[in-house]
Amino acid sequence: MTTDFKSIPIIDVGPLVAKGDDLKMGQDPSVREVIKQLDQACRETGFFYVKGHGVPQTLMNEVKDVTHKFFHLPLSEKLKIKMTPNTGYRGYQKIKENITKGVPDLQEAIDYYREVKRGMPKEPANFKASMEEYIRLCTDLSRKIMRGIALALGGSADELEGEKGGDPFWVVRLIGYPGKSAAIPQNNDIGCGIHTDYGLLTLINQDDRITALEVKNLSGEWVPATPILGTFVCNIGDMLKIWSNGTYEATLHRVINNSPKYRVCVAYFYEPNFDTLVEPLEMCVEMSGGAPLNQKAVYGEHLVNKVKNNFVP
């Protein structure tokens, strides 16, 4: 359950990354320490930074750079990959086309879903290659973090794989938040409204030196997720809440860019298998006292329903 946290913990997942392909990794003392920290973070904040993750800083910077370059192209160029139902909701959305709980968000974005077969722009020239490598590495990192979380919940390292998440779906959102105009004195224009994430685990690669992401604690205070160089901000989503029978809570968060600078965020969402039925795991029901949450969802249906209600037609 989310607590009155005042800051977001930083976890060095290096040992987990190094041994993440070994199903016996839980026997390693350094991995057990990472598992302990993951468990505490998932119980108390639902958010945590990860360092030692193995994704090169150069690549993290490059995907943000090509995202900036794309969003600064003329609108006519960006609309060449316009998102529509016919594109499978993949592609570009103009500012205020994305909606959170009925309210347009002050952002523009590109959405990709596994597999990327369309919607990759021709410019910048290195966009496609950078994104494909980045997605590959984020998928592998997320798989290893989820193995740590499976062990934290009392299961085997591959407890959440196989028919549950052995063929994981993923979503990538490249998001651009306009800077605050000097001509408009008020702050707090909502770049992304208050929400929880739909799936299992999110990796957020945000611009340095612009604090805009905020996380809500139990008292209703907004705690800033200040950028820390070389880290991802991670958070858990609705599907992990269900699997864990509420032991882990998906935490509310929002984005408000009060900086005069344009801000980008590259968000990678690691999900269960598309067609899997997500319901409380028996081991988690037993661990939490024997009463299962009255929640379950077929992940893909859950995602499609959310997506169809999130955009201006």
C-alpha atoms as a PDB file:
ATOM      1  CA  MET A   1       0.000   0.000   0.000  1.00  0.00           C
ATOM      2  CA  THR A   2       1.293   3.463  -0.867  1.00  0.00           C
ATOM      3  CA  THR A   3       2.674   5.341   2.148  1.00  0.00           C
ATOM      4  CA  ASP A   4       3.465   8.938   3.061  1.00  0.00           C
ATOM      5  CA  PHE A   5       6.784   8.755   1.238  1.00  0.00           C
ATOM      6  CA  LYS A   6       8.631  12.052   0.816  1.00  0.00           C
ATOM      7  CA  SER A   7      11.124  10.894  -1.791  1.00  0.00           C
ATOM      8  CA  ILE A   8      11.537   8.153  -4.383  1.00  0.00           C
ATOM      9  CA  PRO A   9      14.113   5.442  -3.631  1.00  0.00           C
ATOM     10  CA  ILE A  10      17.110   4.705  -5.859  1.00  0.00           C
ATOM     11  CA  ILE A  11      17.913   1.041  -6.491  1.00  0.00           C
ATOM     12  CA  ASP A  12      21.139  -0.238  -8.035  1.00  0.00           C
ATOM     13  CA  VAL A  13      19.890  -3.194 -10.082  1.00  0.00           C
ATOM     14  CA  GLY A  14      23.371  -4.070 -11.352  1.00  0.00           C
ATOM     15  CA  PRO A  15      23.540  -7.448  -9.575  1.00  0.00           C
ATOM     16  CA  LEU A  16      20.068  -8.360 -10.847  1.00  0.00           C
ATOM     17  CA  VAL A  17      20.989  -7.384 -14.400  1.00  0.00           C
ATOM     18  CA  ALA A  18      24.235  -9.377 -14.234  1.00  0.00           C
ATOM     19  CA  LYS A  19      22.540 -12.573 -13.037  1.00  0.00           C
ATOM     20  CA  GLY A  20      19.059 -12.038 -14.474  1.00  0.00           C
ATOM     21  CA  ASP A  21      19.303 -14.955 -16.925  1.00  0.00           C
ATOM     22  CA  ASP A  22      20.023 -17.426 -14.104  1.00  0.00           C
ATOM     23  CA  LEU A  23      16.848 -18.803 -12.540  1.00  0.00           C
ATOM     24  CA  LYS A  24      18.849 -19.465  -9.350  1.00  0.00           C
ATOM     25  CA  MET A  25      19.844 -15.829  -9.011  1.00  0.00           C
ATOM     26  CA  GLY A  26      17.866 -15.533  -5.769  1.00  0.00           C
ATOM     27  CA  GLN A  27      20.596 -17.512  -4.047  1.00  0.00           C
ATOM     28  CA  ASP A  28      23.093 -14.690  -4.608  1.00  0.00           C
ATOM     29  CA  PRO A  29      23.356 -12.303  -1.601  1.00  0.00           C
ATOM     30  CA  SER A  30      23.772  -9.207  -3.778  1.00  0.00           C
ATOM     31  CA  VAL A  31      20.687 -10.134  -5.814  1.00  0.00           C
ATOM     32  CA  ARG A  32      18.707 -10.799  -2.629  1.00  0.00           C
ATOM     33  CA  GLU A  33      19.501  -7.257  -1.495  1.00  0.00           C
ATOM     34  CA  VAL A  34      18.114  -5.860  -4.758  1.00  0.00           C
ATOM     35  CA  ILE A  35      14.999  -8.022  -4.360  1.00  0.00           C
ATOM     36  CA  LYS A  36      14.516  -6.670  -0.838  1.00  0.00           C
ATOM     37  CA  GLN A  37      14.731  -3.078  -2.094  1.00  0.00           C
ATOM     38  CA  LEU A  38      12.343  -3.765  -4.982  1.00  0.00           C
ATOM     39  CA  ASP A  39       9.834  -5.287  -2.589  1.00  0.00           C
ATOM     40  CA  GLN A  40      10.015  -2.291  -0.259  1.00  0.00           C
ATOM     41  CA  ALA A  41       9.676   0.198  -3.109  1.00  0.00           C
ATOM     42  CA  CYS A  42       6.709  -1.634  -4.665  1.00  0.00           C
ATOM     43  CA  ARG A  43       4.958  -1.770  -1.281  1.00  0.00           C
ATOM     44  CA  GLU A  44       5.656   1.788  -0.129  1.00  0.00           C
ATOM     45  CA  THR A  45       5.937   4.077  -3.172  1.00  0.00           C
ATOM     46  CA  GLY A  46       5.113   2.176  -6.363  1.00  0.00           C
ATOM     47  CA  PHE A  47       7.908   4.267  -7.915  1.00  0.00           C
ATOM     48  CA  PHE A  48      11.682   3.897  -7.824  1.00  0.00           C
ATOM     49  CA  TYR A  49      14.746   4.976  -9.766  1.00  0.00           C
ATOM     50  CA  VAL A  50      17.040   2.285 -11.182  1.00  0.00           C
ATOM     51  CA  LYS A  51      20.732   2.680 -11.847  1.00  0.00           C
ATOM     52  CA  GLY A  52      23.256   0.054 -12.911  1.00  0.00           C
ATOM     53  CA  HIS A  53      20.689  -1.034 -15.512  1.00  0.00           C
ATOM     54  CA  GLY A  54      23.098  -1.562 -18.406  1.00  0.00           C
ATOM     55  CA  VAL A  55      21.365   0.633 -21.008  1.00  0.00           C
ATOM     56  CA  PRO A  56      24.104   2.935 -22.355  1.00  0.00           C
ATOM     57  CA  GLN A  57      23.736   6.604 -21.472  1.00  0.00           C
ATOM     58  CA  THR A  58      24.592   7.437 -25.075  1.00  0.00           C
ATOM     59  CA  LEU A  59      21.541   5.508 -26.278  1.00  0.00           C
ATOM     60  CA  MET A  60      19.290   7.013 -23.601  1.00  0.00           C
ATOM     61  CA  ASN A  61      20.398  10.446 -24.801  1.00  0.00           C
ATOM     62  CA  GLU A  62      20.055   9.541 -28.475  1.00  0.00           C
ATOM     63  CA  VAL A  63      16.410   8.456 -28.245  1.00  0.00           C
ATOM     64  CA  LYS A  64      15.567  11.692 -26.438  1.00  0.00           C
ATOM     65  CA  ASP A  65      17.496  13.657 -29.066  1.00  0.00           C
ATOM     66  CA  VAL A  66      15.667  12.098 -32.031  1.00  0.00           C
ATOM     67  CA  THR A  67      12.379  12.606 -30.186  1.00  0.00           C
ATOM     68  CA  HIS A  68      13.156  16.318 -29.771  1.00  0.00           C
ATOM     69  CA  LYS A  69      14.106  16.561 -33.440  1.00  0.00           C
ATOM     70  CA  PHE A  70      10.913  14.869 -34.592  1.00  0.00           C
ATOM     71  CA  PHE A  71       8.637  17.087 -32.521  1.00  0.00           C
ATOM     72  CA  HIS A  72      10.371  20.184 -33.890  1.00  0.00           C
ATOM     73  CA  LEU A  73       9.586  19.198 -37.480  1.00  0.00           C
ATOM     74  CA  PRO A  74       6.800  21.070 -39.318  1.00  0.00           C
ATOM     75  CA  LEU A  75       3.334  19.764 -38.475  1.00  0.00           C
ATOM     76  CA  SER A  76       2.835  18.641 -42.083  1.00  0.00           C
ATOM     77  CA  GLU A  77       5.849  16.342 -41.714  1.00  0.00           C
ATOM     78  CA  LYS A  78       4.679  14.940 -38.387  1.00  0.00           C
ATOM     79  CA  LEU A  79       1.216  14.222 -39.764  1.00  0.00           C
ATOM     80  CA  LYS A  80       2.727  11.802 -42.274  1.00  0.00           C
ATOM     81  CA  ILE A  81       2.618   9.256 -39.457  1.00  0.00           C
ATOM     82  CA  LYS A  82      -0.692  10.439 -37.988  1.00  0.00           C
ATOM     83  CA  MET A  83      -2.313   7.994 -35.576  1.00  0.00           C
ATOM     84  CA  THR A  84      -5.733   6.677 -36.628  1.00  0.00           C
ATOM     85  CA  PRO A  85      -7.781   3.541 -35.932  1.00  0.00           C
ATOM     86  CA  ASN A  86      -6.555   2.253 -39.305  1.00  0.00           C
ATOM     87  CA  THR A  87      -2.938   2.430 -38.115  1.00  0.00           C
ATOM     88  CA  GLY A  88      -3.810   0.348 -35.067  1.00  0.00           C
ATOM     89  CA  TYR A  89      -3.586   3.498 -32.940  1.00  0.00           C
ATOM     90  CA  ARG A  90       0.102   3.719 -33.784  1.00  0.00           C
ATOM     91  CA  GLY A  91       1.642   7.033 -34.800  1.00  0.00           C
ATOM     92  CA  TYR A  92       1.583  10.748 -34.070  1.00  0.00           C
ATOM     93  CA  GLN A  93      -0.996  12.730 -32.083  1.00  0.00           C
ATOM     94  CA  LYS A  94      -1.154  16.505 -32.056  1.00  0.00           C
ATOM     95  CA  ILE A  95      -1.193  18.568 -28.878  1.00  0.00           C
ATOM     96  CA  LYS A  96      -4.381  17.972 -26.848  1.00  0.00           C
ATOM     97  CA  GLU A  97      -5.428  14.905 -28.843  1.00  0.00           C
ATOM     98  CA  ASN A  98      -4.513  12.658 -25.904  1.00  0.00           C
ATOM     99  CA  ILE A  99      -7.127  12.622 -23.136  1.00  0.00           C
ATOM    100  CA  THR A 100      -6.820  11.636 -19.486  1.00  0.00           C
ATOM    101  CA  LYS A 101     -10.175  11.104 -17.761  1.00  0.00           C
ATOM    102  CA  GLY A 102     -11.950  13.257 -20.324  1.00  0.00           C
ATOM    103  CA  VAL A 103      -9.538  16.212 -20.178  1.00  0.00           C
ATOM    104  CA  PRO A 104      -7.142  16.969 -23.088  1.00  0.00           C
ATOM    105  CA  ASP A 105      -3.461  16.809 -22.133  1.00  0.00           C
ATOM    106  CA  LEU A 106      -0.961  19.508 -23.077  1.00  0.00           C
ATOM    107  CA  GLN A 107       1.320  17.142 -24.975  1.00  0.00           C
ATOM    108  CA  GLU A 108       2.035  15.692 -28.376  1.00  0.00           C
ATOM    109  CA  ALA A 109       3.142  12.115 -28.760  1.00  0.00           C
ATOM    110  CA  ILE A 110       3.984   9.110 -30.882  1.00  0.00           C
ATOM    111  CA  ASP A 111       2.610   5.739 -29.796  1.00  0.00           C
ATOM    112  CA  TYR A 112       4.069   2.366 -30.723  1.00  0.00           C
ATOM    113  CA  TYR A 113       2.830  -1.082 -29.799  1.00  0.00           C
ATOM    114  CA  ARG A 114       4.507  -4.416 -30.341  1.00  0.00           C
ATOM    115  CA  GLU A 115       5.281  -5.066 -33.118  1.00  0.00           C
ATOM    116  CA  VAL A 116       6.371  -1.860 -34.875  1.00  0.00           C
ATOM    117  CA  LYS A 117       5.373  -2.368 -38.506  1.00  0.00           C
ATOM    118  CA  ARG A 118       4.308   1.179 -39.284  1.00  0.00           C
ATOM    119  CA  GLY A 119       4.565   4.690 -37.915  1.00  0.00           C
ATOM    120  CA  MET A 120       8.344   5.076 -37.928  1.00  0.00           C
ATOM    121  CA  PRO A 121       9.231   8.473 -39.469  1.00  0.00           C
ATOM    122  CA  LYS A 122      11.884   8.842 -42.166  1.00  0.00           C
ATOM    123  CA  GLU A 123      13.304  11.847 -40.339  1.00  0.00           C
ATOM    124  CA  PRO A 124      15.429  12.027 -38.252  1.00  0.00           C
ATOM    125  CA  ALA A 125      17.417   9.491 -40.251  1.00  0.00           C
ATOM    126  CA  ASN A 126      18.616   7.525 -37.195  1.00  0.00           C
ATOM    127  CA  PHE A 127      15.175   7.401 -35.568  1.00  0.00           C
ATOM    128  CA  LYS A 128      14.245   3.819 -36.489  1.00  0.00           C
ATOM    129  CA  ALA A 129      17.591   2.205 -35.644  1.00  0.00           C
ATOM    130  CA  SER A 130      17.853   4.023 -32.312  1.00  0.00           C
ATOM    131  CA  MET A 131      14.342   3.103 -31.238  1.00  0.00           C
ATOM    132  CA  GLU A 132      14.643  -0.545 -32.215  1.00  0.00           C
ATOM    133  CA  GLU A 133      17.838  -0.992 -30.186  1.00  0.00           C
ATOM    134  CA  TYR A 134      16.395   0.952 -27.279  1.00  0.00           C
ATOM    135  CA  ILE A 135      13.216  -1.162 -27.217  1.00  0.00           C
ATOM    136  CA  ARG A 136      15.284  -4.354 -27.311  1.00  0.00           C
ATOM    137  CA  LEU A 137      17.363  -3.316 -24.313  1.00  0.00           C
ATOM    138  CA  CYS A 138      14.367  -2.008 -22.337  1.00  0.00           C
ATOM    139  CA  THR A 139      12.539  -5.286 -22.920  1.00  0.00           C
ATOM    140  CA  ASP A 140      15.479  -7.286 -21.567  1.00  0.00           C
ATOM    141  CA  LEU A 141      15.949  -4.967 -18.579  1.00  0.00           C
ATOM    142  CA  SER A 142      12.244  -5.098 -17.735  1.00  0.00           C
ATOM    143  CA  ARG A 143      12.226  -8.899 -17.909  1.00  0.00           C
ATOM    144  CA  LYS A 144      15.050  -9.014 -15.364  1.00  0.00           C
ATOM    145  CA  ILE A 145      13.408  -6.490 -13.028  1.00  0.00           C
ATOM    146  CA  MET A 146      10.177  -8.488 -13.217  1.00  0.00           C
ATOM    147  CA  ARG A 147      12.122 -11.618 -12.267  1.00  0.00           C
ATOM    148  CA  GLY A 148      13.301  -9.763  -9.173  1.00  0.00           C
ATOM    149  CA  ILE A 149       9.721  -8.736  -8.415  1.00  0.00           C
ATOM    150  CA  ALA A 150       8.517 -12.339  -8.868  1.00  0.00           C
ATOM    151  CA  LEU A 151      11.074 -13.456  -6.278  1.00  0.00           C
ATOM    152  CA  ALA A 152      10.025 -10.603  -3.986  1.00  0.00           C
ATOM    153  CA  LEU A 153       6.446 -11.900  -4.122  1.00  0.00           C
ATOM    154  CA  GLY A 154       7.612 -15.349  -3.040  1.00  0.00           C
ATOM    155  CA  GLY A 155       7.551 -17.105  -6.387  1.00  0.00           C
ATOM    156  CA  SER A 156      10.218 -18.489  -8.673  1.00  0.00           C
ATOM    157  CA  ALA A 157      12.224 -16.122 -10.859  1.00  0.00           C
ATOM    158  CA  ASP A 158      10.107 -17.078 -13.872  1.00  0.00           C
ATOM    159  CA  GLU A 159       6.797 -17.113 -11.969  1.00  0.00           C
ATOM    160  CA  LEU A 160       5.394 -14.260 -14.086  1.00  0.00           C
ATOM    161  CA  GLU A 161       6.545 -15.687 -17.421  1.00  0.00           C
ATOM    162  CA  GLY A 162       5.162 -18.610 -19.447  1.00  0.00           C
ATOM    163  CA  GLU A 163       1.437 -18.169 -20.101  1.00  0.00           C
ATOM    164  CA  LYS A 164       1.398 -15.033 -17.934  1.00  0.00           C
ATOM    165  CA  GLY A 165       4.243 -12.955 -19.355  1.00  0.00           C
ATOM    166  CA  GLY A 166       6.671 -15.136 -21.269  1.00  0.00           C
ATOM    167  CA  ASP A 167       5.741 -13.415 -24.536  1.00  0.00           C
ATOM    168  CA  PRO A 168       5.340  -9.883 -23.202  1.00  0.00           C
ATOM    169  CA  PHE A 169       3.500  -7.161 -25.014  1.00  0.00           C
ATOM    170  CA  TRP A 170       5.045  -3.711 -24.849  1.00  0.00           C
ATOM    171  CA  VAL A 171       4.074  -0.115 -25.524  1.00  0.00           C
ATOM    172  CA  VAL A 172       6.353   2.858 -26.203  1.00  0.00           C
ATOM    173  CA  ARG A 173       5.187   6.476 -25.958  1.00  0.00           C
ATOM    174  CA  LEU A 174       7.393   9.353 -27.073  1.00  0.00           C
ATOM    175  CA  ILE A 175       5.913  12.425 -25.442  1.00  0.00           C
ATOM    176  CA  GLY A 176       6.613  16.118 -25.940  1.00  0.00           C
ATOM    177  CA  TYR A 177       5.463  18.717 -23.406  1.00  0.00           C
ATOM    178  CA  PRO A 178       5.579  22.366 -24.572  1.00  0.00           C
ATOM    179  CA  GLY A 179       7.405  24.800 -22.324  1.00  0.00           C
ATOM    180  CA  LYS A 180       5.477  27.333 -20.300  1.00  0.00           C
ATOM    181  CA  SER A 181       4.919  30.523 -22.256  1.00  0.00           C
ATOM    182  CA  ALA A 182       6.127  33.775 -20.692  1.00  0.00           C
ATOM    183  CA  ALA A 183       2.947  35.385 -22.026  1.00  0.00           C
ATOM    184  CA  ILE A 184       0.809  33.077 -19.837  1.00  0.00           C
ATOM    185  CA  PRO A 185       1.618  33.778 -16.189  1.00  0.00           C
ATOM    186  CA  GLN A 186      -0.227  30.911 -14.498  1.00  0.00           C
ATOM    187  CA  ASN A 187       1.512  27.622 -13.773  1.00  0.00           C
ATOM    188  CA  ASN A 188       0.277  24.055 -13.616  1.00  0.00           C
ATOM    189  CA  ASP A 189      -1.045  23.387 -17.122  1.00  0.00           C
ATOM    190  CA  ILE A 190      -1.571  19.639 -17.116  1.00  0.00           C
ATOM    191  CA  GLY A 191       0.783  17.881 -19.510  1.00  0.00           C
ATOM    192  CA  CYS A 192      -0.627  14.518 -18.472  1.00  0.00           C
ATOM    193  CA  GLY A 193      -3.531  14.175 -16.069  1.00  0.00           C
ATOM    194  CA  ILE A 194      -3.651  12.092 -12.898  1.00  0.00           C
ATOM    195  CA  HIS A 195      -3.546   8.376 -13.706  1.00  0.00           C
ATOM    196  CA  THR A 196      -2.045   4.980 -13.014  1.00  0.00           C
ATOM    197  CA  ASP A 197      -0.382   2.912 -15.730  1.00  0.00           C
ATOM    198  CA  TYR A 198      -2.222  -0.018 -17.293  1.00  0.00           C
ATOM    199  CA  GLY A 199       0.336  -2.800 -17.283  1.00  0.00           C
ATOM    200  CA  LEU A 200       3.197  -4.221 -15.230  1.00  0.00           C
ATOM    201  CA  LEU A 201       6.294  -2.018 -15.270  1.00  0.00           C
ATOM    202  CA  THR A 202       7.147   1.354 -16.809  1.00  0.00           C
ATOM    203  CA  LEU A 203      10.632   2.678 -17.586  1.00  0.00           C
ATOM    204  CA  ILE A 204      10.686   6.479 -17.910  1.00  0.00           C
ATOM    205  CA  ASN A 205      13.619   8.166 -19.646  1.00  0.00           C
ATOM    206  CA  GLN A 206      13.048  11.888 -19.041  1.00  0.00           C
ATOM    207  CA  ASP A 207      14.863  15.053 -20.032  1.00  0.00           C
ATOM    208  CA  ASP A 208      17.592  16.149 -17.653  1.00  0.00           C
ATOM    209  CA  ARG A 209      17.196  19.349 -15.619  1.00  0.00           C
ATOM    210  CA  ILE A 210      13.401  19.624 -16.081  1.00  0.00           C
ATOM    211  CA  THR A 211      11.293  18.363 -13.185  1.00  0.00           C
ATOM    212  CA  ALA A 212       7.716  17.739 -14.326  1.00  0.00           C
ATOM    213  CA  LEU A 213       6.705  14.225 -13.251  1.00  0.00           C
ATOM    214  CA  GLU A 214       4.984  14.146  -9.849  1.00  0.00           C
ATOM    215  CA  VAL A 215       3.869  11.178  -7.731  1.00  0.00           C
ATOM    216  CA  LYS A 216       1.028  11.284  -5.199  1.00  0.00           C
ATOM    217  CA  ASN A 217       1.636   9.936  -1.685  1.00  0.00           C
ATOM    218  CA  LEU A 218      -0.945   8.689   0.804  1.00  0.00           C
ATOM    219  CA  SER A 219      -1.526  12.168   2.261  1.00  0.00           C
ATOM    220  CA  GLY A 220      -2.242  13.595  -1.180  1.00  0.00           C
ATOM    221  CA  GLU A 221       1.086  15.428  -1.457  1.00  0.00           C
ATOM    222  CA  TRP A 222       2.804  15.543  -4.837  1.00  0.00           C
ATOM    223  CA  VAL A 223       6.396  14.282  -4.664  1.00  0.00           C
ATOM    224  CA  PRO A 224       8.620  15.320  -7.602  1.00  0.00           C
ATOM    225  CA  ALA A 225      10.425  12.652  -9.612  1.00  0.00           C
ATOM    226  CA  THR A 226      13.422  14.901 -10.218  1.00  0.00           C
ATOM    227  CA  PRO A 227      15.612  13.673 -13.103  1.00  0.00           C
ATOM    228  CA  ILE A 228      18.755  11.836 -11.971  1.00  0.00           C
ATOM    229  CA  LEU A 229      21.345  11.367 -14.707  1.00  0.00           C
ATOM    230  CA  GLY A 230      21.864   7.765 -15.748  1.00  0.00           C
ATOM    231  CA  THR A 231      18.664   6.424 -14.194  1.00  0.00           C
ATOM    232  CA  PHE A 232      15.243   5.331 -15.297  1.00  0.00           C
ATOM    233  CA  VAL A 233      12.230   6.265 -13.214  1.00  0.00           C
ATOM    234  CA  CYS A 234      10.261   3.023 -12.825  1.00  0.00           C
ATOM    235  CA  ASN A 235       6.711   2.495 -11.663  1.00  0.00           C
ATOM    236  CA  ILE A 236       4.359  -0.433 -11.391  1.00  0.00           C
ATOM    237  CA  GLY A 237       0.961  -0.647 -13.055  1.00  0.00           C
ATOM    238  CA  ASP A 238      -2.561  -1.985 -12.678  1.00  0.00           C
ATOM    239  CA  MET A 239      -1.804  -5.539 -13.832  1.00  0.00           C
ATOM    240  CA  LEU A 240       0.890  -6.012 -11.193  1.00  0.00           C
ATOM    241  CA  LYS A 241      -1.510  -4.736  -8.540  1.00  0.00           C
ATOM    242  CA  ILE A 242      -3.939  -7.496  -9.544  1.00  0.00           C
ATOM    243  CA  TRP A 243      -1.312 -10.273  -9.734  1.00  0.00           C
ATOM    244  CA  SER A 244       0.050  -9.253  -6.315  1.00  0.00           C
ATOM    245  CA  ASN A 245      -3.494  -9.164  -4.853  1.00  0.00           C
ATOM    246  CA  GLY A 246      -2.992  -5.553  -3.841  1.00  0.00           C
ATOM    247  CA  THR A 247       0.310  -6.171  -2.046  1.00  0.00           C
ATOM    248  CA  TYR A 248       1.780  -3.773  -4.586  1.00  0.00           C
ATOM    249  CA  GLU A 249      -0.174  -0.657  -5.509  1.00  0.00           C
ATOM    250  CA  ALA A 250      -0.084   1.299  -8.779  1.00  0.00           C
ATOM    251  CA  THR A 251       0.570   4.882  -7.670  1.00  0.00           C
ATOM    252  CA  LEU A 252      -1.183   7.950  -9.070  1.00  0.00           C
ATOM    253  CA  HIS A 253       1.033  10.381 -10.953  1.00  0.00           C
ATOM    254  CA  ARG A 254       0.834  13.358 -13.311  1.00  0.00           C
ATOM    255  CA  VAL A 255       3.032  15.625 -15.447  1.00  0.00           C
ATOM    256  CA  ILE A 256       3.131  19.428 -15.194  1.00  0.00           C
ATOM    257  CA  ASN A 257       5.844  21.232 -17.163  1.00  0.00           C
ATOM    258  CA  ASN A 258       6.309  24.671 -15.577  1.00  0.00           C
ATOM    259  CA  SER A 259       9.684  25.076 -17.271  1.00  0.00           C
ATOM    260  CA  PRO A 260      10.015  27.419 -20.264  1.00  0.00           C
ATOM    261  CA  LYS A 261      11.832  24.574 -22.036  1.00  0.00           C
ATOM    262  CA  TYR A 262      10.217  21.946 -24.217  1.00  0.00           C
ATOM    263  CA  ARG A 263      10.419  18.595 -22.399  1.00  0.00           C
ATOM    264  CA  VAL A 264      10.443  15.092 -23.829  1.00  0.00           C
ATOM    265  CA  CYS A 265       9.938  11.754 -22.165  1.00  0.00           C
ATOM    266  CA  VAL A 266      10.491   8.306 -23.679  1.00  0.00           C
ATOM    267  CA  ALA A 267       8.243   5.902 -21.773  1.00  0.00           C
ATOM    268  CA  TYR A 268       8.541   2.141 -22.217  1.00  0.00           C
ATOM    269  CA  PHE A 269       5.731  -0.044 -20.823  1.00  0.00           C
ATOM    270  CA  TYR A 270       6.385  -3.748 -20.176  1.00  0.00           C
ATOM    271  CA  GLU A 271       3.185  -5.777 -20.147  1.00  0.00           C
ATOM    272  CA  PRO A 272       1.835  -9.317 -19.719  1.00  0.00           C
ATOM    273  CA  ASN A 273       1.128 -11.558 -22.697  1.00  0.00           C
ATOM    274  CA  PHE A 274      -1.546  -9.817 -24.756  1.00  0.00           C
ATOM    275  CA  ASP A 275      -4.205 -12.523 -24.335  1.00  0.00           C
ATOM    276  CA  THR A 276      -3.472 -13.569 -20.753  1.00  0.00           C
ATOM    277  CA  LEU A 277      -6.143 -13.426 -18.057  1.00  0.00           C
ATOM    278  CA  VAL A 278      -4.696 -11.402 -15.195  1.00  0.00           C
ATOM    279  CA  GLU A 279      -6.138 -12.318 -11.800  1.00  0.00           C
ATOM    280  CA  PRO A 280      -4.721 -12.514  -8.270  1.00  0.00           C
ATOM    281  CA  LEU A 281      -1.989 -15.130  -7.983  1.00  0.00           C
ATOM    282  CA  GLU A 282      -2.776 -17.845  -5.472  1.00  0.00           C
ATOM    283  CA  MET A 283       0.552 -17.361  -3.686  1.00  0.00           C
ATOM    284  CA  CYS A 284      -0.212 -13.643  -3.281  1.00  0.00           C
ATOM    285  CA  VAL A 285      -3.734 -14.314  -2.021  1.00  0.00           C
ATOM    286  CA  GLU A 286      -2.308 -16.635   0.641  1.00  0.00           C
ATOM    287  CA  MET A 287       0.433 -14.156   1.550  1.00  0.00           C
ATOM    288  CA  SER A 288      -2.055 -11.296   1.979  1.00  0.00           C
ATOM    289  CA  GLY A 289      -4.533 -13.168   4.159  1.00  0.00           C
ATOM    290  CA  GLY A 290      -6.639 -15.345   1.897  1.00  0.00           C
ATOM    291  CA  ALA A 291      -9.126 -12.831   0.446  1.00  0.00           C
ATOM    292  CA  PRO A 292      -8.645 -12.252  -3.304  1.00  0.00           C
ATOM    293  CA  LEU A 293      -9.202  -8.860  -4.897  1.00  0.00           C
ATOM    294  CA  ASN A 294     -12.407  -8.722  -6.876  1.00  0.00           C
ATOM    295  CA  GLN A 295     -10.444  -7.691  -9.948  1.00  0.00           C
ATOM    296  CA  LYS A 296      -9.354  -9.478 -13.104  1.00  0.00           C
ATOM    297  CA  ALA A 297      -8.814  -8.539 -16.738  1.00  0.00           C
ATOM    298  CA  VAL A 298      -7.673  -9.965 -20.036  1.00  0.00           C
ATOM    299  CA  TYR A 299      -4.715  -7.646 -20.546  1.00  0.00           C
ATOM    300  CA  GLY A 300      -5.207  -6.997 -24.267  1.00  0.00           C
ATOM    301  CA  GLU A 301      -8.903  -6.204 -23.837  1.00  0.00           C
ATOM    302  CA  HIS A 302      -8.051  -3.900 -20.948  1.00  0.00           C
ATOM    303  CA  LEU A 303      -5.480  -2.068 -23.078  1.00  0.00           C
ATOM    304  CA  VAL A 304      -7.726  -1.712 -26.133  1.00  0.00           C
ATOM    305  CA  ASN A 305     -10.584  -0.322 -24.045  1.00  0.00           C
ATOM    306  CA  LYS A 306      -8.253   2.235 -22.480  1.00  0.00           C
ATOM    307  CA  VAL A 307      -6.694   3.246 -25.808  1.00  0.00           C
ATOM    308  CA  LYS A 308     -10.041   3.747 -27.541  1.00  0.00           C
ATOM    309  CA  ASN A 309     -11.113   6.197 -24.824  1.00  0.00           C
ATOM    310  CA  ASN A 310      -7.834   8.102 -24.639  1.00  0.00           C
ATOM    311  CA  PHE A 311      -7.811  10.042 -27.873  1.00  0.00           C
ATOM    312  CA  VAL A 312      -9.832  12.754 -29.558  1.00  0.00           C
ATOM    313  CA  PRO A 313     -11.532  11.100 -32.564  1.00  0.00           C
END
